[in-house]
Amino acid sequence: MKLNFFDVDKDYIKYLQNAEFDSRGFTCVPNMEYGNREQKFLCGIVLQINNFNYYVPVTSYKKKQLDNILIKFEDNPDNPIKGSLRFNYMIPVPDSCISVRIIKNEPSNTRRIFLNKQLRYIQSISDKIYKQAERTYRKVKENLYPEMKQYACDFDLLEEKCLEYERFKNMNIDEDMEL
């Protein structure tokens, strides 16, 4: 499966954030909105596990850490790092809450060029991305690094909430159809 960029339903993100905050007192589910700045988006599907599709946020964060992969543009040796994929913040997303980001619809040519370069780089290292997603998922689920709990999404909780959101959404669709 070829990696791509995706936009996620904002209501779904808020639902996950609220659920994680209620459970933990904080959330690692990433914000997808920055007011009048460019909206965040996800890269995926980076992991398919337990019938869940996981997506990882694409961010402007440029510092190497254990659970991220830096996005580099080799054609700019003075400033090659252009962002990162932060696997400790990856989330499960149901198909009904995700849509492909259409790069050609971006408002500026500069932004389209930038996103195309990012996507090409990400696709060129897809094996590395899939392995990192599996490693991070396993580390969090198996509590291999207990200190990581405060810096990673609660994958068990988010999987439960992903299913719950889908059930709730389907119930509302069924009710609307009966009207």
Protein backbone atom coordinates (compact mmCIF):
# COMPACT_ATOMS: atom_id res chain seq x y z
CA MET A 1 0.00 0.00 0.00
CA LYS A 2 1.38 3.39 -0.99
CA LEU A 3 1.62 6.07 1.70
CA ASN A 4 -0.34 9.26 1.20
CA PHE A 5 -1.43 12.40 3.06
CA PHE A 6 -4.87 12.61 4.67
CA ASP A 7 -7.17 15.05 6.39
CA VAL A 8 -9.12 13.78 9.37
CA ASP A 9 -12.55 14.79 10.62
CA LYS A 10 -12.12 17.48 13.28
CA ASP A 11 -15.04 16.18 15.36
CA TYR A 12 -13.36 12.78 15.54
CA ILE A 13 -10.11 14.38 16.73
CA LYS A 14 -11.96 16.33 19.43
CA TYR A 15 -13.73 13.13 20.49
CA LEU A 16 -10.40 11.31 20.92
CA GLN A 17 -8.80 14.27 22.69
CA ASN A 18 -11.68 14.54 25.15
CA ALA A 19 -11.69 10.81 25.82
CA GLU A 20 -7.96 10.69 26.44
CA PHE A 21 -8.09 13.81 28.62
CA ASP A 22 -10.96 12.36 30.68
CA SER A 23 -9.03 9.12 31.16
CA ARG A 24 -5.50 10.44 31.71
CA GLY A 25 -5.82 14.12 32.64
CA PHE A 26 -3.91 15.03 29.46
CA THR A 27 -3.96 14.08 25.81
CA CYS A 28 -1.32 13.27 23.22
CA VAL A 29 -3.84 13.24 20.37
CA PRO A 30 -2.48 16.01 18.11
CA ASN A 31 -4.33 19.22 17.40
CA MET A 32 -5.16 19.45 13.71
CA GLU A 33 -6.07 23.13 13.64
CA TYR A 34 -3.85 26.16 14.13
CA GLY A 35 -6.24 29.03 13.62
CA ASN A 36 -5.32 30.79 10.39
CA ARG A 37 -2.18 28.71 9.70
CA GLU A 38 -1.94 25.63 7.47
CA GLN A 39 -4.03 22.76 8.80
CA LYS A 40 -2.16 19.70 10.04
CA PHE A 41 -2.62 16.43 8.24
CA LEU A 42 -1.77 12.78 8.65
CA CYS A 43 0.33 10.28 6.74
CA GLY A 44 -0.96 6.79 6.39
CA ILE A 45 -1.83 4.06 6.55
CA VAL A 46 1.36 3.42 8.55
CA LEU A 47 0.05 0.46 10.51
CA GLN A 48 -2.85 -1.97 10.17
CA ILE A 49 -3.35 -3.87 13.39
CA ASN A 50 -6.35 -5.39 15.19
CA ASN A 51 -8.59 -4.16 12.33
CA PHE A 52 -7.48 -0.55 12.89
CA ASN A 53 -5.79 1.74 10.38
CA TYR A 54 -3.21 3.98 12.02
CA TYR A 55 -2.10 7.36 10.72
CA VAL A 56 0.83 9.44 11.92
CA PRO A 57 0.87 13.25 12.09
CA VAL A 58 3.10 15.16 9.71
CA THR A 59 4.58 18.00 11.72
CA SER A 60 7.06 20.84 11.40
CA TYR A 61 8.96 19.47 14.44
CA LYS A 62 12.62 19.16 13.37
CA LYS A 63 14.44 17.53 16.28
CA LYS A 64 15.41 13.85 16.06
CA GLN A 65 13.86 11.69 18.77
CA LEU A 66 13.52 7.99 19.36
CA ASP A 67 9.97 7.76 18.00
CA ASN A 68 10.00 10.10 15.04
CA ILE A 69 11.42 10.12 11.55
CA LEU A 70 12.76 13.34 10.13
CA ILE A 71 11.59 14.46 6.70
CA LYS A 72 14.59 15.59 4.65
CA PHE A 73 15.05 17.33 1.34
CA GLU A 74 18.41 16.25 0.00
CA ASP A 75 18.36 19.05 -2.61
CA ASN A 76 18.79 21.59 0.21
CA PRO A 77 22.00 20.56 2.04
CA ASP A 78 22.12 23.74 4.14
CA ASN A 79 18.68 23.07 5.63
CA PRO A 80 17.60 19.51 4.73
CA ILE A 81 15.15 18.84 7.61
CA LYS A 82 11.62 19.93 6.71
CA GLY A 83 9.55 18.27 9.42
CA SER A 84 8.91 14.88 10.94
CA LEU A 85 6.54 12.00 11.45
CA ARG A 86 5.80 11.60 15.18
CA PHE A 87 4.85 8.00 15.83
CA ASN A 88 4.10 8.38 19.52
CA TYR A 89 1.14 10.55 18.38
CA MET A 90 -0.22 8.18 15.73
CA ILE A 91 -3.92 7.44 16.00
CA PRO A 92 -6.43 4.89 14.71
CA VAL A 93 -8.93 6.46 12.30
CA PRO A 94 -12.07 4.86 10.83
CA ASP A 95 -12.45 5.07 7.06
CA SER A 96 -15.50 7.30 7.44
CA CYS A 97 -13.43 10.01 9.18
CA ILE A 98 -10.49 10.28 6.78
CA SER A 99 -10.03 11.71 3.30
CA VAL A 100 -7.08 11.97 0.97
CA ARG A 101 -5.48 15.40 0.93
CA ILE A 102 -5.48 16.59 -2.68
CA ILE A 103 -2.18 18.39 -3.10
CA LYS A 104 -3.14 19.99 -6.41
CA ASN A 105 -5.96 21.79 -4.54
CA GLU A 106 -3.57 23.55 -2.17
CA PRO A 107 -3.93 27.34 -2.54
CA SER A 108 -0.30 28.18 -3.28
CA ASN A 109 2.16 26.76 -5.76
CA THR A 110 4.92 26.93 -3.13
CA ARG A 111 2.82 24.79 -0.77
CA ARG A 112 2.01 22.26 -3.53
CA ILE A 113 5.72 21.89 -4.37
CA PHE A 114 6.61 21.51 -0.68
CA LEU A 115 3.93 18.85 -0.03
CA ASN A 116 4.86 16.92 -3.17
CA LYS A 117 8.51 16.83 -2.05
CA GLN A 118 7.50 15.69 1.43
CA LEU A 119 5.28 12.96 0.03
CA ARG A 120 7.93 11.70 -2.40
CA TYR A 121 10.47 11.51 0.42
CA ILE A 122 8.03 9.69 2.71
CA GLN A 123 7.14 7.20 -0.02
CA SER A 124 10.85 6.58 -0.67
CA ILE A 125 11.35 5.45 2.95
CA SER A 126 8.06 3.60 3.40
CA ASP A 127 9.68 0.41 4.76
CA LYS A 128 11.38 2.43 7.48
CA ILE A 129 8.06 4.13 8.31
CA TYR A 130 6.15 0.84 8.61
CA LYS A 131 8.84 -0.62 10.89
CA GLN A 132 8.89 2.48 13.10
CA ALA A 133 5.09 2.41 13.45
CA GLU A 134 5.21 -1.25 14.53
CA ARG A 135 8.07 -0.59 16.98
CA THR A 136 6.36 2.39 18.60
CA TYR A 137 3.02 0.59 18.83
CA ARG A 138 4.65 -2.43 20.47
CA LYS A 139 6.68 -0.29 22.91
CA VAL A 140 3.58 1.54 24.09
CA LYS A 141 1.25 -1.49 24.20
CA GLU A 142 3.77 -3.71 25.98
CA ASN A 143 4.89 -0.89 28.29
CA LEU A 144 8.52 -1.49 27.30
CA TYR A 145 9.40 2.11 28.23
CA PRO A 146 7.12 3.12 31.13
CA GLU A 147 8.29 6.75 30.96
CA MET A 148 6.99 6.88 27.40
CA LYS A 149 3.37 6.67 28.62
CA GLN A 150 3.25 10.43 29.18
CA TYR A 151 4.62 11.14 25.68
CA ALA A 152 2.46 8.77 23.64
CA CYS A 153 -1.18 8.27 22.83
CA ASP A 154 -2.97 5.55 24.76
CA PHE A 155 -3.46 3.17 21.84
CA ASP A 156 -5.75 0.80 23.79
CA LEU A 157 -8.07 3.64 24.77
CA LEU A 158 -8.05 5.19 21.29
CA GLU A 159 -8.89 1.86 19.66
CA GLU A 160 -11.84 1.48 22.03
CA LYS A 161 -12.97 5.05 21.29
CA CYS A 162 -12.53 4.54 17.54
CA LEU A 163 -15.00 1.63 17.67
CA GLU A 164 -17.33 3.59 19.93
CA TYR A 165 -17.29 6.59 17.58
CA GLU A 166 -18.14 4.40 14.61
CA ARG A 167 -21.03 2.76 16.48
CA PHE A 168 -22.35 6.16 17.56
CA LYS A 169 -22.00 7.58 14.06
CA ASN A 170 -23.77 4.55 12.53
CA MET A 171 -26.61 4.83 15.06
CA ASN A 172 -27.13 8.48 14.06
CA ILE A 173 -27.13 7.60 10.36
CA ASP A 174 -29.72 4.87 10.98
CA GLU A 175 -31.91 7.30 12.95
CA ASP A 176 -31.66 9.93 10.20
CA MET A 177 -32.76 7.37 7.62
CA GLU A 178 -35.89 6.53 9.64
CA LEU A 179 -37.10 10.14 9.69
